[in-house]
Structures are given as structure tokens and as C-alpha cells.
């Protein structure tokens, strides 16, 4: 079977990070299948896998066939061959749309075969993930079928990608460093808390790095190591070695949730502060795993991490950061139990392959 995964890099590394992890997992589950990864943004892909040559329109890496989304001629020739055999199953990730050459093959070249497009949406704890999971939608052709497949945190969704190394929660390294990987903001209160507690901090590349380093400089914090760009497996190992995580986006969020390590999540800032809805939804899922007072504290802390600096009390924010980092053990069991609950939902890629078998494509 052929599975073609579409990825358009929109913001930093989250999109390609998830698609790369999904591709590897699908290949590991079904080694005989052909996994085609079509990427717009090979530069970002290179940053998390240095085997990728961003100048090549086609390359085979780790058993994956990687194509440059933007090479119309090559991709049209390859993917239209044998009545579009490589397009039997298309995973359209994160509402990325489809390349022009693919639209031409699907709707102008008059394929005889039936094509199944599976829309892999953004990870969210919002209720619509349960409601939209496996919901079908229409296309311009009866030969092109489309259905939603929602990652998520409940058994009514597809779950999270549970790949090699993530089968069990991490045994937390209580003396390990703190990982910082967030978006831009005023991070002086967090830097002050880390300095006072003499924490060693690892800082990931990407958005947010410079604003945090600036805050560290202003408060005189010295125990800071700026990480280089890392292959995905190296990044995973780094996360698992830490005592606490300050993370952002989707790819690192899913790893943090599975790790069982105490963490704070900064959602991607959106217009009208819609990110607060997403943060609130995830906190609501986590609520059952914490004592009421601990949950109330975490709720306030996460909210302060996700509002603009101008809207929060910086003195209280620093105090909250200090309290969290001073007493990580108090929250550890809650995060651990939350991570165990996610494994009960199964692996997203296993669930996806079961779904594909169910609808009779294989």
C-alpha cells in the first residue's frame, strides 16, 4: 500500500516534526508499505534530520520517500503514474491544502481509482475533536473521498503518536536540567525564578530563544546552555533527561504529555487570544489527575504563561514560577497518571491503520 503524507511548514518545526514522526511510525508498523512524505519547507526538515538535503526534489531517507512539494513537473510525473497508485491514501496534515500538481491529478486527469484523503487535524483537547473524529466530508469528485481523523486526548479521538521510546512514562531525572522551548514573551520573571533556585537550563532553538536569553542576561543568570538544532531522536532524549519542561506548540506538547514530567505549555498565540480556549480545554482534561488545590495553582500558572505580559502581574508570575519549580515532586504524580491515561487511547498510527483497514482500502 502507498500512503502519501502532505506537510506544509507554517511555523517553525511543529508541522514537520509531527509529520516526520508519523511517517517513521507508519513505516515501522508496516515496513512493506511505501510512505511518501511531500514537504513544503525542506529547510526546516533538514534542521530536525540532517540527512535531508533541502536542495533535492526527491530523496529516500530512513525508508521514507521524500518529495519537494514545489517541484510540479517531477511530482506530477511520479504521482500520476499507474493511475495515481501513490495517491491511494493521502494524509493531509493540519489543513495544509494540496499542491497544484496533486489537484490536477485528482480532479483533471480523471483517475479511475478511488482516492481516500484523511485529514489529520491539529492536536486539541477541545470538544470538537471528539465530534469531528471520523466524520466524512464531500469533494468535487465521487472518486475522491475525504474523512477527518483527529489526534486527541480521549478514547473518542485517534490518540497520540506513541512511537519507539515513548511506550512508558519517563522516570523523572529529579536532578536534571529544566528545558525552555517557548514562543516570544517577557520571560524575566521565569528567568529570575530559575536564577534564584540555581537551576540549570537548556534552551531550544526557534522562536522564543532570543527573548528568553535576553531575560537571562538582564537578571544575571548564568546556568544556561543553548542547544544546537537536533535530530528528532536527540531532541526526544533531551526532553526525557529533564526535571521540568516549559514547552510550546503541538509536537513537543504531545511528547511532554507522554513523558509524565511536570510541564507548562504555551499554546500558539492566536487572534483574540483564542489560545486560552485551547489551554483551558487541555487543563480540563488533566483536572481529574490532581488534587483540587494543586490543580487550581497549575491553572493559574498556565494561564499566566499564555496571556500577554502586559496583562499579568509580573510579581505574582515570578512567585508562581518559583513555587512550581521548588515543589515539582508535589505535581509529579498527577502528570504521571495523566500520561498513563493517554496510553489507554492507543497509538494514533495504529488506530489510523485500523481505520484504513475498516474502510476497505487495504
Protein backbone atom coordinates (compact mmCIF):
# COMPACT_ATOMS: atom_id res chain seq x y z
CA UNK A 1 0.00 0.00 0.00
CA UNK A 2 1.03 3.58 -0.67
CA UNK A 3 0.48 6.32 1.90
CA UNK A 4 1.29 9.89 0.89
CA UNK A 5 1.66 12.45 3.68
CA UNK A 6 1.36 16.16 2.93
CA UNK A 7 3.19 18.69 5.11
CA UNK A 8 3.43 22.45 4.65
CA UNK A 9 5.78 24.03 7.19
CA UNK A 10 3.85 27.01 8.54
CA UNK A 11 5.51 27.88 11.82
CA UNK A 12 8.94 26.68 12.83
CA UNK A 13 9.21 22.89 13.34
CA UNK A 14 5.90 21.64 14.77
CA UNK A 15 4.28 20.68 11.47
CA UNK A 16 7.23 18.78 10.06
CA UNK A 17 8.04 17.35 13.49
CA UNK A 18 4.64 15.63 13.72
CA UNK A 19 4.62 14.52 10.07
CA UNK A 20 8.14 13.09 10.30
CA UNK A 21 7.27 11.21 13.49
CA UNK A 22 4.07 9.91 11.90
CA UNK A 23 5.92 8.80 8.76
CA UNK A 24 8.53 6.88 10.74
CA UNK A 25 5.91 5.26 12.92
CA UNK A 26 3.81 4.13 9.94
CA UNK A 27 6.90 2.70 8.25
CA UNK A 28 7.85 0.82 11.41
CA UNK A 29 4.35 -0.61 11.72
CA UNK A 30 4.15 -1.66 8.05
CA UNK A 31 7.68 -1.93 6.59
CA UNK A 32 6.38 -3.21 3.24
CA UNK A 33 4.25 -0.11 2.65
CA UNK A 34 5.53 2.83 0.62
CA UNK A 35 5.48 6.02 2.71
CA UNK A 36 5.75 9.18 0.61
CA UNK A 37 6.37 12.41 2.52
CA UNK A 38 5.65 15.54 0.46
CA UNK A 39 7.12 18.60 2.19
CA UNK A 40 6.96 22.32 1.53
CA UNK A 41 9.79 23.54 3.74
CA UNK A 42 12.70 21.14 3.39
CA UNK A 43 14.96 23.60 5.23
CA UNK A 44 13.05 23.04 8.48
CA UNK A 45 13.05 19.29 7.82
CA UNK A 46 16.85 19.41 7.50
CA UNK A 47 17.09 21.12 10.90
CA UNK A 48 15.47 18.13 12.64
CA UNK A 49 17.03 15.48 10.39
CA UNK A 50 20.42 16.40 8.97
CA UNK A 51 20.20 13.56 6.44
CA UNK A 52 17.71 15.68 4.49
CA UNK A 53 19.17 17.65 1.56
CA UNK A 54 16.96 20.73 1.22
CA UNK A 55 18.03 21.17 -2.42
CA UNK A 56 16.84 17.77 -3.63
CA UNK A 57 13.38 17.33 -5.13
CA UNK A 58 13.44 13.63 -4.29
CA UNK A 59 15.40 11.59 -1.77
CA UNK A 60 14.99 8.40 0.24
CA UNK A 61 15.76 8.75 3.93
CA UNK A 62 15.17 6.11 6.64
CA UNK A 63 12.96 4.17 4.24
CA UNK A 64 10.79 7.23 3.54
CA UNK A 65 10.45 8.71 0.05
CA UNK A 66 10.69 12.48 0.47
CA UNK A 67 9.46 14.85 -2.26
CA UNK A 68 9.63 18.62 -2.63
CA UNK A 69 6.04 19.88 -2.66
CA UNK A 70 7.06 22.71 -5.01
CA UNK A 71 8.52 20.61 -7.87
CA UNK A 72 5.44 20.45 -10.09
CA UNK A 73 6.98 18.54 -13.01
CA UNK A 74 8.63 15.79 -11.01
CA UNK A 75 5.74 15.24 -8.61
CA UNK A 76 3.08 15.26 -11.34
CA UNK A 77 5.02 12.66 -13.32
CA UNK A 78 5.69 10.40 -10.33
CA UNK A 79 2.32 10.62 -8.61
CA UNK A 80 0.18 10.34 -11.76
CA UNK A 81 1.88 7.10 -12.81
CA UNK A 82 -0.09 3.83 -12.69
CA UNK A 83 -3.41 5.64 -12.37
CA UNK A 84 -2.19 7.57 -9.32
CA UNK A 85 -1.16 4.49 -7.34
CA UNK A 86 0.85 6.60 -4.88
CA UNK A 87 -2.29 8.60 -4.11
CA UNK A 88 -4.41 5.69 -2.89
CA UNK A 89 -4.27 7.11 0.64
CA UNK A 90 -3.42 10.77 1.26
CA UNK A 91 -2.86 12.16 4.75
CA UNK A 92 -3.49 15.89 4.51
CA UNK A 93 -2.00 17.28 7.71
CA UNK A 94 -3.02 20.40 9.60
CA UNK A 95 -5.31 21.88 6.93
CA UNK A 96 -2.28 22.33 4.67
CA UNK A 97 -4.23 22.04 1.42
CA UNK A 98 -2.89 20.15 -1.59
CA UNK A 99 -0.20 21.05 -4.15
CA UNK A 100 -1.33 22.23 -7.58
CA UNK A 101 0.09 19.13 -9.25
CA UNK A 102 -1.97 16.91 -6.92
CA UNK A 103 -5.16 18.86 -7.60
CA UNK A 104 -4.57 18.37 -11.31
CA UNK A 105 -4.11 14.61 -10.90
CA UNK A 106 -7.15 14.22 -8.64
CA UNK A 107 -9.66 16.40 -10.45
CA UNK A 108 -8.45 16.99 -14.02
CA UNK A 109 -6.60 13.85 -15.07
CA UNK A 110 -9.66 11.66 -14.41
CA UNK A 111 -8.28 8.87 -12.24
CA UNK A 112 -10.05 5.54 -12.38
CA UNK A 113 -9.07 4.52 -8.86
CA UNK A 114 -10.76 5.76 -5.70
CA UNK A 115 -8.59 8.03 -3.57
CA UNK A 116 -9.06 8.39 0.20
CA UNK A 117 -7.98 11.70 1.73
CA UNK A 118 -7.66 11.54 5.51
CA UNK A 119 -7.49 14.94 7.15
CA UNK A 120 -5.11 14.82 10.13
CA UNK A 121 -6.04 17.88 12.15
CA UNK A 122 -4.21 19.87 14.80
CA UNK A 123 -3.98 18.35 18.27
CA UNK A 124 -6.53 19.84 20.61
CA UNK A 125 -8.43 18.92 23.77
CA UNK A 126 -11.45 20.90 22.62
CA UNK A 127 -14.78 19.04 22.36
CA UNK A 128 -14.88 19.30 18.57
CA UNK A 129 -12.02 16.77 18.34
CA UNK A 130 -14.41 14.10 19.67
CA UNK A 131 -17.25 15.29 17.44
CA UNK A 132 -15.28 15.54 14.17
CA UNK A 133 -13.28 12.31 14.51
CA UNK A 134 -14.01 10.01 11.53
CA UNK A 135 -16.55 12.50 10.15
CA UNK A 136 -16.78 12.40 6.35
CA UNK A 137 -16.95 15.40 4.05
CA UNK A 138 -17.51 15.98 0.32
CA UNK A 139 -15.09 16.72 -2.51
CA UNK A 140 -15.58 17.70 -6.16
CA UNK A 141 -15.40 14.07 -7.28
CA UNK A 142 -17.04 10.86 -6.16
CA UNK A 143 -13.69 9.18 -6.79
CA UNK A 144 -12.03 11.36 -4.14
CA UNK A 145 -13.33 10.65 -0.65
CA UNK A 146 -12.42 12.64 2.45
CA UNK A 147 -12.67 11.99 6.17
CA UNK A 148 -11.39 13.67 9.35
CA UNK A 149 -9.05 11.88 11.72
CA UNK A 150 -8.46 13.78 14.94
CA UNK A 151 -5.46 13.39 17.25
CA UNK A 152 -6.54 13.93 20.82
CA UNK A 153 -6.63 13.08 24.49
CA UNK A 154 -9.74 10.88 24.74
CA UNK A 155 -10.82 7.46 23.52
CA UNK A 156 -13.21 9.20 21.10
CA UNK A 157 -10.23 10.52 19.09
CA UNK A 158 -7.25 8.94 17.35
CA UNK A 159 -4.97 9.50 20.36
CA UNK A 160 -1.29 10.50 20.24
CA UNK A 161 1.66 9.03 18.33
CA UNK A 162 3.24 6.53 20.73
CA UNK A 163 6.41 5.56 18.94
CA UNK A 164 9.58 3.78 19.99
CA UNK A 165 10.92 5.12 23.27
CA UNK A 166 7.58 6.53 24.38
CA UNK A 167 5.80 3.31 25.34
CA UNK A 168 6.08 4.13 29.05
CA UNK A 169 6.32 7.35 31.09
CA UNK A 170 9.80 8.61 31.90
CA UNK A 171 11.43 8.01 35.26
CA UNK A 172 11.96 11.68 36.02
CA UNK A 173 15.53 12.86 36.50
CA UNK A 174 14.98 14.92 39.65
CA UNK A 175 18.43 16.48 39.35
CA UNK A 176 18.12 17.08 35.61
CA UNK A 177 18.04 20.44 33.86
CA UNK A 178 14.95 22.46 33.00
CA UNK A 179 14.05 22.69 29.31
CA UNK A 180 12.89 26.01 27.85
CA UNK A 181 11.22 25.85 24.42
CA UNK A 182 8.57 28.55 24.11
CA UNK A 183 7.41 31.48 21.98
CA UNK A 184 8.38 35.13 22.42
CA UNK A 185 7.22 36.91 25.58
CA UNK A 186 8.64 38.80 28.54
CA UNK A 187 10.40 35.96 30.34
CA UNK A 188 12.20 37.94 33.08
CA UNK A 189 10.01 36.58 35.93
CA UNK A 190 10.72 32.98 34.87
CA UNK A 191 14.43 33.71 34.46
CA UNK A 192 14.52 35.27 37.94
CA UNK A 193 12.87 32.19 39.45
CA UNK A 194 15.32 29.87 37.71
CA UNK A 195 18.27 32.01 38.83
CA UNK A 196 17.21 32.10 42.47
CA UNK A 197 16.74 28.33 42.53
CA UNK A 198 20.09 27.82 40.75
CA UNK A 199 18.50 25.65 38.07
CA UNK A 200 20.45 24.53 35.02
CA UNK A 201 18.50 25.41 31.88
CA UNK A 202 18.60 24.07 28.34
CA UNK A 203 17.23 26.43 25.68
CA UNK A 204 15.84 25.09 22.40
CA UNK A 205 16.27 26.78 19.04
CA UNK A 206 13.47 28.70 17.35
CA UNK A 207 11.03 31.39 18.32
CA UNK A 208 11.32 32.48 21.94
CA UNK A 209 15.00 31.68 22.29
CA UNK A 210 16.26 35.25 21.98
CA UNK A 211 13.64 36.79 24.28
CA UNK A 212 14.49 34.25 26.99
CA UNK A 213 18.25 34.69 26.60
CA UNK A 214 17.75 38.44 26.88
CA UNK A 215 15.79 37.95 30.12
CA UNK A 216 18.55 35.71 31.49
CA UNK A 217 21.14 38.35 30.66
CA UNK A 218 19.16 41.09 32.42
CA UNK A 219 18.82 39.10 35.65
CA UNK A 220 22.39 37.78 35.64
CA UNK A 221 21.51 34.13 35.17
CA UNK A 222 24.47 32.05 34.01
CA UNK A 223 23.45 28.38 34.14
CA UNK A 224 22.09 28.43 30.59
CA UNK A 225 23.07 26.19 27.66
CA UNK A 226 21.72 27.00 24.20
CA UNK A 227 21.07 23.75 22.37
CA UNK A 228 22.02 23.31 18.73
CA UNK A 229 19.50 22.12 16.17
CA UNK A 230 18.97 18.43 16.89
CA UNK A 231 17.71 15.37 15.08
CA UNK A 232 14.31 14.37 16.41
CA UNK A 233 15.60 11.36 18.34
CA UNK A 234 18.22 13.53 20.06
CA UNK A 235 15.55 16.07 20.99
CA UNK A 236 13.41 13.29 22.47
CA UNK A 237 16.32 12.10 24.60
CA UNK A 238 16.97 15.65 25.77
CA UNK A 239 13.36 16.08 26.86
CA UNK A 240 13.39 12.78 28.73
CA UNK A 241 16.52 13.82 30.64
CA UNK A 242 14.93 16.93 32.18
CA UNK A 243 13.33 17.55 35.56
CA UNK A 244 10.76 20.02 34.22
CA UNK A 245 9.61 21.23 30.79
CA UNK A 246 8.46 24.62 29.55
CA UNK A 247 7.27 23.78 26.06
CA UNK A 248 5.16 25.10 23.23
CA UNK A 249 3.27 24.07 20.11
CA UNK A 250 1.98 20.59 19.31
CA UNK A 251 4.85 18.19 18.67
CA UNK A 252 6.63 18.99 21.95
CA UNK A 253 3.30 19.14 23.78
CA UNK A 254 2.48 15.55 22.81
CA UNK A 255 5.92 14.38 24.00
CA UNK A 256 5.55 16.29 27.28
CA UNK A 257 2.14 14.73 27.90
CA UNK A 258 3.51 11.24 27.32
CA UNK A 259 6.64 11.83 29.40
CA UNK A 260 4.92 12.24 32.76
CA UNK A 261 7.41 15.02 33.57
CA UNK A 262 5.88 18.17 35.13
CA UNK A 263 5.47 20.74 32.37
CA UNK A 264 3.95 24.06 31.41
CA UNK A 265 2.52 24.53 27.91
CA UNK A 266 2.44 27.73 25.91
CA UNK A 267 -0.07 27.43 23.06
CA UNK A 268 0.50 29.18 19.74
CA UNK A 269 -0.69 32.80 20.24
CA UNK A 270 -3.82 33.50 18.19
CA UNK A 271 -6.06 36.45 17.41
CA UNK A 272 -8.45 37.49 20.17
CA UNK A 273 -6.38 35.25 22.48
CA UNK A 274 -8.14 32.10 21.26
CA UNK A 275 -5.16 30.11 22.54
CA UNK A 276 -6.68 30.49 26.00
CA UNK A 277 -9.60 28.28 24.92
CA UNK A 278 -7.16 25.56 23.89
CA UNK A 279 -5.19 25.81 27.12
CA UNK A 280 -8.38 25.73 29.19
CA UNK A 281 -9.57 22.63 27.33
CA UNK A 282 -6.36 20.70 28.00
CA UNK A 283 -6.34 21.71 31.65
CA UNK A 284 -9.90 20.43 31.96
CA UNK A 285 -8.78 17.01 30.68
CA UNK A 286 -5.91 16.99 33.19
CA UNK A 287 -8.01 18.17 36.13
CA UNK A 288 -9.01 14.69 37.32
CA UNK A 289 -5.38 13.74 38.00
CA UNK A 290 -4.54 16.48 40.50
CA UNK A 291 -5.64 17.45 43.98
CA UNK A 292 -8.03 20.43 43.84
CA UNK A 293 -5.56 22.93 45.33
CA UNK A 294 -2.72 21.74 43.07
CA UNK A 295 -4.96 21.96 40.01
CA UNK A 296 -6.05 25.48 40.93
CA UNK A 297 -2.41 26.52 41.19
CA UNK A 298 -1.49 24.89 37.84
CA UNK A 299 -4.48 26.53 36.20
CA UNK A 300 -3.35 29.97 37.31
CA UNK A 301 0.27 29.28 36.29
CA UNK A 302 -0.65 28.05 32.80
CA UNK A 303 -2.99 30.98 32.23
CA UNK A 304 -0.24 33.43 33.12
CA UNK A 305 2.12 31.73 30.67
CA UNK A 306 -0.39 32.16 27.86
CA UNK A 307 -1.56 35.76 28.25
CA UNK A 308 0.45 38.75 27.02
CA UNK A 309 2.93 40.00 29.61
CA UNK A 310 1.10 43.32 29.84
CA UNK A 311 -1.99 41.53 31.19
CA UNK A 312 -0.36 39.67 34.06
CA UNK A 313 1.09 40.69 37.41
CA UNK A 314 4.83 40.09 36.99
CA UNK A 315 5.49 39.84 40.73
CA UNK A 316 2.84 37.13 41.15
CA UNK A 317 4.03 35.40 38.00
CA UNK A 318 7.58 35.12 39.33
CA UNK A 319 6.26 33.80 42.63
CA UNK A 320 4.19 31.16 40.79
CA UNK A 321 7.20 30.06 38.72
CA UNK A 322 9.29 29.79 41.86
CA UNK A 323 6.67 27.75 43.70
CA UNK A 324 6.24 25.35 40.76
CA UNK A 325 9.97 24.78 40.32
CA UNK A 326 10.55 24.47 44.08
CA UNK A 327 7.99 21.73 44.55
CA UNK A 328 7.93 19.67 41.37
CA UNK A 329 7.52 16.46 43.33
CA UNK A 330 4.11 17.65 44.51
CA UNK A 331 2.85 17.67 40.91
CA UNK A 332 4.77 14.67 39.61
CA UNK A 333 2.16 12.00 40.36
CA UNK A 334 -0.59 13.96 38.59
CA UNK A 335 1.44 14.35 35.41
CA UNK A 336 2.46 10.67 35.60
CA UNK A 337 -1.12 9.45 35.91
CA UNK A 338 -2.23 11.76 33.10
CA UNK A 339 0.43 10.25 30.83
CA UNK A 340 -0.73 6.73 31.67
CA UNK A 341 -4.32 7.63 30.79
CA UNK A 342 -3.23 8.74 27.30
CA UNK A 343 -1.71 5.34 26.53
CA UNK A 344 -5.09 3.71 27.12
CA UNK A 345 -6.33 5.52 24.00
CA UNK A 346 -3.81 3.65 21.86
CA UNK A 347 -1.24 4.84 19.35
CA UNK A 348 -2.55 7.25 16.72
CA UNK A 349 -0.77 5.46 13.86
CA UNK A 350 -2.04 2.05 14.93
CA UNK A 351 -5.52 3.49 15.22
CA UNK A 352 -5.15 5.09 11.80
CA UNK A 353 -4.12 1.83 10.14
CA UNK A 354 -7.05 0.04 11.79
CA UNK A 355 -9.35 2.72 10.41
CA UNK A 356 -7.89 2.35 6.92
CA UNK A 357 -8.45 -1.41 7.07
CA UNK A 358 -12.01 -0.84 8.29
CA UNK A 359 -12.96 1.33 5.34
CA UNK A 360 -11.55 -1.30 2.99
CA UNK A 361 -8.61 0.47 1.37
CA UNK A 362 -6.03 -2.20 2.19
